[in-house]
C-alpha atoms as a PDB file:
ATOM      1  CA  MET A   1       0.000   0.000   0.000  1.00  0.00           C
ATOM      2  CA  VAL A   2       3.074   2.226   0.245  1.00  0.00           C
ATOM      3  CA  GLN A   3       5.605   1.699  -2.525  1.00  0.00           C
ATOM      4  CA  LEU A   4       9.287   2.638  -2.431  1.00  0.00           C
ATOM      5  CA  GLU A   5      11.402   2.882  -5.574  1.00  0.00           C
ATOM      6  CA  THR A   6      14.878   4.416  -5.611  1.00  0.00           C
ATOM      7  CA  ILE A   7      16.260   5.545  -8.966  1.00  0.00           C
ATOM      8  CA  ASP A   8      19.605   7.335  -9.334  1.00  0.00           C
ATOM      9  CA  GLY A   9      19.631   8.320  -5.671  1.00  0.00           C
ATOM     10  CA  ILE A  10      16.050   9.652  -5.704  1.00  0.00           C
ATOM     11  CA  ALA A  11      13.537   7.774  -3.529  1.00  0.00           C
ATOM     12  CA  TRP A  12       9.968   7.805  -4.860  1.00  0.00           C
ATOM     13  CA  VAL A  13       7.528   7.026  -2.023  1.00  0.00           C
ATOM     14  CA  THR A  14       4.006   6.385  -3.307  1.00  0.00           C
ATOM     15  CA  LEU A  15       0.815   6.031  -1.279  1.00  0.00           C
ATOM     16  CA  ASP A  16      -0.800   3.262  -3.312  1.00  0.00           C
ATOM     17  CA  ARG A  17      -4.452   2.887  -2.399  1.00  0.00           C
ATOM     18  CA  PRO A  18      -6.155   4.877  -5.157  1.00  0.00           C
ATOM     19  CA  GLU A  19      -9.556   3.198  -4.712  1.00  0.00           C
ATOM     20  CA  LYS A  20      -9.697   4.905  -1.279  1.00  0.00           C
ATOM     21  CA  GLN A  21      -8.047   8.165  -2.390  1.00  0.00           C
ATOM     22  CA  ASN A  22      -4.927   6.771  -0.651  1.00  0.00           C
ATOM     23  CA  ALA A  23      -6.609   7.015   2.762  1.00  0.00           C
ATOM     24  CA  LEU A  24      -4.283   5.916   5.555  1.00  0.00           C
ATOM     25  CA  SER A  25      -4.744   2.471   7.056  1.00  0.00           C
ATOM     26  CA  TYR A  26      -2.877   1.208  10.100  1.00  0.00           C
ATOM     27  CA  ASP A  27      -0.569  -0.855   7.876  1.00  0.00           C
ATOM     28  CA  MET A  28       0.304   2.250   5.852  1.00  0.00           C
ATOM     29  CA  PHE A  29       1.459   4.036   9.006  1.00  0.00           C
ATOM     30  CA  LYS A  30       3.747   1.105   9.781  1.00  0.00           C
ATOM     31  CA  GLN A  31       5.059   0.976   6.222  1.00  0.00           C
ATOM     32  CA  LEU A  32       5.787   4.710   6.119  1.00  0.00           C
ATOM     33  CA  ASP A  33       7.605   4.484   9.439  1.00  0.00           C
ATOM     34  CA  ASN A  34       9.750   1.620   8.149  1.00  0.00           C
ATOM     35  CA  ILE A  35      10.512   3.455   4.895  1.00  0.00           C
ATOM     36  CA  ILE A  36      11.644   6.581   6.757  1.00  0.00           C
ATOM     37  CA  HIS A  37      13.924   4.456   8.940  1.00  0.00           C
ATOM     38  CA  LYS A  38      15.371   2.738   5.869  1.00  0.00           C
ATOM     39  CA  LEU A  39      15.977   5.975   3.983  1.00  0.00           C
ATOM     40  CA  LYS A  40      17.624   7.623   6.974  1.00  0.00           C
ATOM     41  CA  HIS A  41      20.446   5.084   6.775  1.00  0.00           C
ATOM     42  CA  ASN A  42      20.949   5.321   3.001  1.00  0.00           C
ATOM     43  CA  ARG A  43      24.137   7.360   2.478  1.00  0.00           C
ATOM     44  CA  GLN A  44      23.654   7.331  -1.306  1.00  0.00           C
ATOM     45  CA  LEU A  45      20.263   9.047  -1.076  1.00  0.00           C
ATOM     46  CA  ARG A  46      20.049  12.516  -2.636  1.00  0.00           C
ATOM     47  CA  ALA A  47      16.341  13.389  -2.347  1.00  0.00           C
ATOM     48  CA  VAL A  48      12.856  11.985  -1.665  1.00  0.00           C
ATOM     49  CA  VAL A  49       9.573  12.545  -3.510  1.00  0.00           C
ATOM     50  CA  LEU A  50       6.260  11.762  -1.773  1.00  0.00           C
ATOM     51  CA  GLN A  51       3.230  11.229  -3.993  1.00  0.00           C
ATOM     52  CA  GLY A  52      -0.137   9.515  -4.196  1.00  0.00           C
ATOM     53  CA  GLN A  53      -1.188   6.972  -6.786  1.00  0.00           C
ATOM     54  CA  GLY A  54      -3.988   8.185  -9.038  1.00  0.00           C
ATOM     55  CA  GLN A  55      -5.858  11.480  -8.848  1.00  0.00           C
ATOM     56  CA  HIS A  56      -5.325  12.265  -5.146  1.00  0.00           C
ATOM     57  CA  PHE A  57      -2.429  12.628  -2.729  1.00  0.00           C
ATOM     58  CA  CYS A  58      -4.245  11.365   0.393  1.00  0.00           C
ATOM     59  CA  SER A  59      -7.754  11.897   1.781  1.00  0.00           C
ATOM     60  CA  GLY A  60      -6.660  11.364   5.396  1.00  0.00           C
ATOM     61  CA  LEU A  61      -7.215   8.601   7.912  1.00  0.00           C
ATOM     62  CA  ASP A  62      -9.352   5.614   6.915  1.00  0.00           C
ATOM     63  CA  VAL A  63     -11.316   5.819  10.147  1.00  0.00           C
ATOM     64  CA  GLY A  64     -13.427   2.734   9.472  1.00  0.00           C
ATOM     65  CA  ALA A  65     -10.429   0.522   8.768  1.00  0.00           C
ATOM     66  CA  VAL A  66      -8.410   1.745  11.738  1.00  0.00           C
ATOM     67  CA  MET A  67     -11.320   1.564  14.202  1.00  0.00           C
ATOM     68  CA  LYS A  68     -12.011  -2.100  13.395  1.00  0.00           C
ATOM     69  CA  LYS A  69      -9.246  -2.926  15.886  1.00  0.00           C
ATOM     70  CA  PRO A  70      -9.247  -0.548  18.901  1.00  0.00           C
ATOM     71  CA  ALA A  71      -5.754  -1.806  19.734  1.00  0.00           C
ATOM     72  CA  ASN A  72      -4.573  -0.012  16.603  1.00  0.00           C
ATOM     73  CA  ILE A  73      -5.503   3.353  18.128  1.00  0.00           C
ATOM     74  CA  VAL A  74      -3.403   2.542  21.180  1.00  0.00           C
ATOM     75  CA  SER A  75      -0.510   1.511  18.925  1.00  0.00           C
ATOM     76  CA  LEU A  76      -0.747   4.713  16.880  1.00  0.00           C
ATOM     77  CA  LEU A  77      -0.623   6.939  19.979  1.00  0.00           C
ATOM     78  CA  PHE A  78       1.706   4.898  22.199  1.00  0.00           C
ATOM     79  CA  LYS A  79       5.109   6.268  23.185  1.00  0.00           C
ATOM     80  CA  TRP A  80       7.706   5.009  25.673  1.00  0.00           C
ATOM     81  CA  LEU A  81       8.487   8.489  27.002  1.00  0.00           C
ATOM     82  CA  PRO A  82       6.261  11.611  26.907  1.00  0.00           C
ATOM     83  CA  GLY A  83       8.618  13.585  24.657  1.00  0.00           C
ATOM     84  CA  ASN A  84       9.145  10.785  22.157  1.00  0.00           C
ATOM     85  CA  ALA A  85       7.314  10.801  18.835  1.00  0.00           C
ATOM     86  CA  ASN A  86       4.605   8.152  18.512  1.00  0.00           C
ATOM     87  CA  LEU A  87       3.767   6.387  15.249  1.00  0.00           C
ATOM     88  CA  VAL A  88       1.391   9.036  13.856  1.00  0.00           C
ATOM     89  CA  GLN A  89       3.903  11.771  14.667  1.00  0.00           C
ATOM     90  CA  ARG A  90       6.874   9.905  13.176  1.00  0.00           C
ATOM     91  CA  VAL A  91       5.289   9.470   9.732  1.00  0.00           C
ATOM     92  CA  ALA A  92       4.997  13.257   9.398  1.00  0.00           C
ATOM     93  CA  LEU A  93       7.971  14.554  11.372  1.00  0.00           C
ATOM     94  CA  GLY A  94      10.264  11.776  10.149  1.00  0.00           C
ATOM     95  CA  TRP A  95      10.733  13.356   6.722  1.00  0.00           C
ATOM     96  CA  ARG A  96      12.284  16.396   8.413  1.00  0.00           C
ATOM     97  CA  ALA A  97      14.838  14.098  10.062  1.00  0.00           C
ATOM     98  CA  LEU A  98      16.098  12.854   6.698  1.00  0.00           C
ATOM     99  CA  PRO A  99      19.343  14.676   5.742  1.00  0.00           C
ATOM    100  CA  VAL A 100      18.136  15.227   2.160  1.00  0.00           C
ATOM    101  CA  PRO A 101      15.529  17.450   0.474  1.00  0.00           C
ATOM    102  CA  VAL A 102      12.012  15.973   0.579  1.00  0.00           C
ATOM    103  CA  PHE A 103       9.364  17.026  -1.967  1.00  0.00           C
ATOM    104  CA  ALA A 104       5.625  16.350  -1.818  1.00  0.00           C
ATOM    105  CA  LEU A 105       3.928  16.072  -5.227  1.00  0.00           C
ATOM    106  CA  ILE A 106       0.278  16.867  -4.520  1.00  0.00           C
ATOM    107  CA  ARG A 107      -2.738  16.261  -6.738  1.00  0.00           C
ATOM    108  CA  GLY A 108      -6.403  16.354  -5.759  1.00  0.00           C
ATOM    109  CA  ASN A 109      -7.290  15.834  -2.109  1.00  0.00           C
ATOM    110  CA  CYS A 110      -4.631  16.442   0.526  1.00  0.00           C
ATOM    111  CA  LEU A 111      -6.682  16.241   3.701  1.00  0.00           C
ATOM    112  CA  GLY A 112      -6.222  15.404   7.375  1.00  0.00           C
ATOM    113  CA  GLY A 113      -3.401  12.927   7.849  1.00  0.00           C
ATOM    114  CA  GLY A 114      -2.432  13.371   4.208  1.00  0.00           C
ATOM    115  CA  LEU A 115      -1.787  17.064   4.787  1.00  0.00           C
ATOM    116  CA  HIS A 116       0.159  16.326   7.972  1.00  0.00           C
ATOM    117  CA  ILE A 117       2.459  14.003   6.018  1.00  0.00           C
ATOM    118  CA  ALA A 118       2.873  16.605   3.279  1.00  0.00           C
ATOM    119  CA  LEU A 119       3.783  19.217   5.895  1.00  0.00           C
ATOM    120  CA  GLY A 120       6.711  16.993   6.847  1.00  0.00           C
ATOM    121  CA  ALA A 121       8.182  17.513   3.394  1.00  0.00           C
ATOM    122  CA  ASP A 122      10.537  20.418   2.827  1.00  0.00           C
ATOM    123  CA  TYR A 123       8.740  21.508  -0.349  1.00  0.00           C
ATOM    124  CA  ARG A 124       5.128  21.020  -1.475  1.00  0.00           C
ATOM    125  CA  ILE A 125       4.327  21.335  -5.193  1.00  0.00           C
ATOM    126  CA  ALA A 126       0.616  21.086  -6.032  1.00  0.00           C
ATOM    127  CA  THR A 127      -1.687  21.093  -9.036  1.00  0.00           C
ATOM    128  CA  PRO A 128      -4.220  23.958  -9.316  1.00  0.00           C
ATOM    129  CA  ASP A 129      -7.110  21.584  -8.472  1.00  0.00           C
ATOM    130  CA  ALA A 130      -5.562  20.389  -5.190  1.00  0.00           C
ATOM    131  CA  GLN A 131      -7.616  20.760  -2.007  1.00  0.00           C
ATOM    132  CA  PHE A 132      -6.243  21.121   1.538  1.00  0.00           C
ATOM    133  CA  ALA A 133      -7.736  20.863   5.039  1.00  0.00           C
ATOM    134  CA  ILE A 134      -6.835  19.848   8.575  1.00  0.00           C
ATOM    135  CA  MET A 135      -9.819  17.711   9.514  1.00  0.00           C
ATOM    136  CA  GLU A 136      -9.442  16.846  13.211  1.00  0.00           C
ATOM    137  CA  SER A 137     -11.550  19.715  14.535  1.00  0.00           C
ATOM    138  CA  ARG A 138     -14.555  18.358  12.617  1.00  0.00           C
ATOM    139  CA  TRP A 139     -14.486  15.328  14.913  1.00  0.00           C
ATOM    140  CA  GLY A 140     -13.814  17.266  18.108  1.00  0.00           C
ATOM    141  CA  LEU A 141     -10.101  16.439  18.120  1.00  0.00           C
ATOM    142  CA  CYS A 142      -6.866  18.365  17.803  1.00  0.00           C
ATOM    143  CA  PRO A 143      -4.152  17.800  15.173  1.00  0.00           C
ATOM    144  CA  ASP A 144      -1.726  15.286  16.658  1.00  0.00           C
ATOM    145  CA  MET A 145       0.665  14.302  13.848  1.00  0.00           C
ATOM    146  CA  SER A 146       3.438  16.731  14.948  1.00  0.00           C
ATOM    147  CA  THR A 147       1.601  19.621  13.276  1.00  0.00           C
ATOM    148  CA  SER A 148       2.208  21.841  16.325  1.00  0.00           C
ATOM    149  CA  ILE A 149       5.899  21.588  15.440  1.00  0.00           C
ATOM    150  CA  LEU A 150       5.592  21.814  11.659  1.00  0.00           C
ATOM    151  CA  LEU A 151       2.979  24.551  11.135  1.00  0.00           C
ATOM    152  CA  PRO A 152       4.721  27.349  13.119  1.00  0.00           C
ATOM    153  CA  GLY A 153       7.668  27.121  10.746  1.00  0.00           C
ATOM    154  CA  ILE A 154       5.341  27.490   7.742  1.00  0.00           C
ATOM    155  CA  LEU A 155       2.443  29.803   8.650  1.00  0.00           C
ATOM    156  CA  LYS A 156       1.868  32.882  10.751  1.00  0.00           C
ATOM    157  CA  HIS A 157       0.271  32.219  14.137  1.00  0.00           C
ATOM    158  CA  ASP A 158      -3.239  33.374  13.269  1.00  0.00           C
ATOM    159  CA  GLN A 159      -3.336  31.436   9.995  1.00  0.00           C
ATOM    160  CA  ALA A 160      -2.026  28.251  11.630  1.00  0.00           C
ATOM    161  CA  LEU A 161      -4.604  28.575  14.423  1.00  0.00           C
ATOM    162  CA  TRP A 162      -7.448  29.141  11.944  1.00  0.00           C
ATOM    163  CA  LEU A 163      -6.424  26.264   9.690  1.00  0.00           C
ATOM    164  CA  ALA A 164      -6.181  23.853  12.646  1.00  0.00           C
ATOM    165  CA  SER A 165      -9.538  25.016  14.036  1.00  0.00           C
ATOM    166  CA  ASN A 166     -11.587  24.892  10.832  1.00  0.00           C
ATOM    167  CA  PRO A 167     -12.010  21.775   8.661  1.00  0.00           C
ATOM    168  CA  GLN A 168     -13.168  23.666   5.559  1.00  0.00           C
ATOM    169  CA  ARG A 169     -11.089  22.988   2.473  1.00  0.00           C
ATOM    170  CA  ILE A 170      -8.969  25.602   0.743  1.00  0.00           C
ATOM    171  CA  ASP A 171      -7.721  25.418  -2.826  1.00  0.00           C
ATOM    172  CA  ALA A 172      -4.146  25.380  -4.063  1.00  0.00           C
ATOM    173  CA  GLN A 173      -4.043  29.108  -4.794  1.00  0.00           C
ATOM    174  CA  GLN A 174      -5.212  29.968  -1.277  1.00  0.00           C
ATOM    175  CA  ALA A 175      -2.739  27.476   0.181  1.00  0.00           C
ATOM    176  CA  CYS A 176       0.090  29.058  -1.797  1.00  0.00           C
ATOM    177  CA  GLU A 177      -0.869  32.575  -0.710  1.00  0.00           C
ATOM    178  CA  LEU A 178      -0.817  31.426   2.926  1.00  0.00           C
ATOM    179  CA  GLY A 179       2.549  29.751   2.458  1.00  0.00           C
ATOM    180  CA  LEU A 180       1.129  26.304   3.179  1.00  0.00           C
ATOM    181  CA  ILE A 181       2.528  25.009  -0.108  1.00  0.00           C
ATOM    182  CA  THR A 182       5.629  26.029  -2.000  1.00  0.00           C
ATOM    183  CA  GLN A 183       4.298  26.324  -5.539  1.00  0.00           C
ATOM    184  CA  VAL A 184       1.264  25.697  -7.756  1.00  0.00           C
ATOM    185  CA  SER A 185       2.172  23.966 -10.993  1.00  0.00           C
ATOM    186  CA  ASP A 186       0.216  22.563 -13.932  1.00  0.00           C
ATOM    187  CA  ASP A 187       2.920  19.897 -14.161  1.00  0.00           C
ATOM    188  CA  PRO A 188       4.212  19.263 -10.630  1.00  0.00           C
ATOM    189  CA  LEU A 189       6.283  16.275 -11.724  1.00  0.00           C
ATOM    190  CA  LEU A 190       8.234  18.403 -14.186  1.00  0.00           C
ATOM    191  CA  THR A 191       8.650  21.161 -11.594  1.00  0.00           C
ATOM    192  CA  ILE A 192      10.019  18.697  -9.046  1.00  0.00           C
ATOM    193  CA  GLN A 193      12.331  17.111 -11.605  1.00  0.00           C
ATOM    194  CA  GLN A 194      13.746  20.555 -12.359  1.00  0.00           C
ATOM    195  CA  ARG A 195      14.312  21.177  -8.648  1.00  0.00           C
ATOM    196  CA  LEU A 196      15.896  17.744  -8.283  1.00  0.00           C
ATOM    197  CA  THR A 197      18.380  18.649 -11.000  1.00  0.00           C
ATOM    198  CA  GLN A 198      19.293  21.749  -9.011  1.00  0.00           C
ATOM    199  CA  VAL A 199      19.665  20.111  -5.591  1.00  0.00           C
ATOM    200  CA  THR A 200      21.646  17.130  -6.866  1.00  0.00           C
ATOM    201  CA  ALA A 201      24.231  19.571  -8.208  1.00  0.00           C
ATOM    202  CA  ILE A 202      24.893  20.698  -4.600  1.00  0.00           C
ATOM    203  CA  SER A 203      27.140  18.845  -2.139  1.00  0.00           C
ATOM    204  CA  PRO A 204      25.012  16.357  -0.162  1.00  0.00           C
ATOM    205  CA  ASP A 205      26.921  17.304   2.994  1.00  0.00           C
ATOM    206  CA  ALA A 206      26.078  20.975   2.509  1.00  0.00           C
ATOM    207  CA  LEU A 207      22.388  20.157   2.013  1.00  0.00           C
ATOM    208  CA  ALA A 208      22.339  17.966   5.116  1.00  0.00           C
ATOM    209  CA  ALA A 209      24.003  20.650   7.238  1.00  0.00           C
ATOM    210  CA  ILE A 210      21.674  23.399   5.975  1.00  0.00           C
ATOM    211  CA  LYS A 211      18.560  21.306   6.602  1.00  0.00           C
ATOM    212  CA  HIS A 212      19.669  20.358  10.113  1.00  0.00           C
ATOM    213  CA  LEU A 213      20.514  23.957  10.966  1.00  0.00           C
ATOM    214  CA  TYR A 214      17.218  25.433   9.811  1.00  0.00           C
ATOM    215  CA  ASN A 215      15.135  22.617  11.295  1.00  0.00           C
ATOM    216  CA  THR A 216      16.702  23.487  14.648  1.00  0.00           C
ATOM    217  CA  ALA A 217      16.114  27.209  14.152  1.00  0.00           C
ATOM    218  CA  TYR A 218      12.444  26.869  13.159  1.00  0.00           C
ATOM    219  CA  HIS A 219      11.355  24.022  15.425  1.00  0.00           C
ATOM    220  CA  PRO A 220      12.523  24.411  19.062  1.00  0.00           C
ATOM    221  CA  ARG A 221      10.822  22.798  22.100  1.00  0.00           C
ATOM    222  CA  ARG A 222      10.072  19.637  20.147  1.00  0.00           C
ATOM    223  CA  ARG A 223       9.718  17.121  22.997  1.00  0.00           C
ATOM    224  CA  LYS A 224       7.268  19.220  25.005  1.00  0.00           C
ATOM    225  CA  LEU A 225       5.024  19.774  21.992  1.00  0.00           C
ATOM    226  CA  LEU A 226       5.063  16.103  21.010  1.00  0.00           C
ATOM    227  CA  TRP A 227       3.876  15.167  24.499  1.00  0.00           C
ATOM    228  CA  GLN A 228       1.190  17.848  24.612  1.00  0.00           C
ATOM    229  CA  GLU A 229      -0.212  16.770  21.234  1.00  0.00           C
ATOM    230  CA  THR A 230      -0.647  13.197  22.448  1.00  0.00           C
ATOM    231  CA  TRP A 231      -1.961  14.091  25.911  1.00  0.00           C
ATOM    232  CA  PHE A 232      -4.491  16.569  24.541  1.00  0.00           C
ATOM    233  CA  GLN A 233      -5.680  14.016  21.977  1.00  0.00           C
ATOM    234  CA  ILE A 234      -6.169  11.347  24.673  1.00  0.00           C
ATOM    235  CA  LYS A 235      -8.047  13.865  26.829  1.00  0.00           C
ATOM    236  CA  LEU A 236     -10.264  14.782  23.858  1.00  0.00           C
ATOM    237  CA  LEU A 237     -10.951  11.149  22.990  1.00  0.00           C
ATOM    238  CA  LEU A 238     -12.401  10.743  26.492  1.00  0.00           C
ATOM    239  CA  SER A 239     -14.522  13.899  26.272  1.00  0.00           C
ATOM    240  CA  LYS A 240     -18.316  13.887  25.898  1.00  0.00           C
ATOM    241  CA  ASN A 241     -18.025  16.873  23.570  1.00  0.00           C
ATOM    242  CA  THR A 242     -15.876  14.771  21.227  1.00  0.00           C
ATOM    243  CA  ARG A 243     -18.668  12.211  20.945  1.00  0.00           C
ATOM    244  CA  VAL A 244     -21.062  15.066  20.156  1.00  0.00           C
ATOM    245  CA  ALA A 245     -18.678  16.383  17.483  1.00  0.00           C
ATOM    246  CA  MET A 246     -18.374  12.933  15.910  1.00  0.00           C
ATOM    247  CA  HIS A 247     -22.157  12.618  15.817  1.00  0.00           C
ATOM    248  CA  ASN A 248     -22.499  16.078  14.272  1.00  0.00           C
ATOM    249  CA  GLY A 249     -19.819  15.287  11.709  1.00  0.00           C
ATOM    250  CA  ARG A 250     -21.787  12.262  10.535  1.00  0.00           C
ATOM    251  CA  HIS A 251     -25.292  13.698  10.939  1.00  0.00           C
ATOM    252  CA  THR A 252     -25.081  17.330   9.849  1.00  0.00           C
ATOM    253  CA  GLU A 253     -28.868  17.555   9.516  1.00  0.00           C
ATOM    254  CA  GLN A 254     -29.444  16.658  13.203  1.00  0.00           C
ATOM    255  CA  PRO A 255     -26.642  18.288  15.209  1.00  0.00           C
ATOM    256  CA  LYS A 256     -26.516  17.909  18.985  1.00  0.00           C
ATOM    257  CA  PRO A 257     -25.545  20.799  21.299  1.00  0.00           C
ATOM    258  CA  PHE A 258     -22.128  20.799  22.956  1.00  0.00           C
ATOM    259  CA  GLY A 259     -21.799  20.679  26.715  1.00  0.00           C
ATOM    260  CA  GLN A 260     -19.708  22.887  28.990  1.00  0.00           C
ATOM    261  CA  ARG A 261     -16.015  23.174  28.154  1.00  0.00           C
ATOM    262  CA  LYS A 262     -13.590  21.232  30.332  1.00  0.00           C
ATOM    263  CA  LYS A 263     -10.782  22.935  32.186  1.00  0.00           C
ATOM    264  CA  TRP A 264      -7.652  23.156  29.994  1.00  0.00           C
END
């Protein structure tokens, strides 16, 4: 369901579940995590390209498939120490840990978990018809795939807060104006290939040092944020208001009222 092909030092990572708009199953999280680990130890690697098979990048979490086994939810959120990254955080943040440029080639829907993974890339090149949204707030949850680390280095505070709080989709032009994506292109593959030609002409050691330096500059306090994301998500999963939000998300014609806010 996630394919890896390395050609001339370029790793092509493809979400391959087009019949589901490449929605993320539990197995796909595991496969992405393993691929990131494998690529991190490849000294011949020069760059990575993330893409989706078919017309869409990724429509987000396949909730039905993941929820069939409640133990999967525990596995996705589990971490040995509070500041460690859990599985859902690693498949987004892990691309930033790779010492090479990472590009996301985005077509169609790039929603929820799909957008979180794309945010882990260093550069996001999208077609004009691409659609973007952070979906967790629709279900009464908070983004928990390391987005609290990634978004502040990409968007201004008010825009990041609004995007995380509102599940409405925005188009590629809006996303580009916000700075959420790097470029809109009618032919994103060609655009990325041109950029690959440029980066592979640079010393791989220089690129690794530059990426490490600017990741450190733009993303401080990582361990505290990783813990807060997970703790807040667990707290929300146990909240009555979350159950109301999930009902309202499925039954928009018969919404239920929310109860009093918990102490945060």
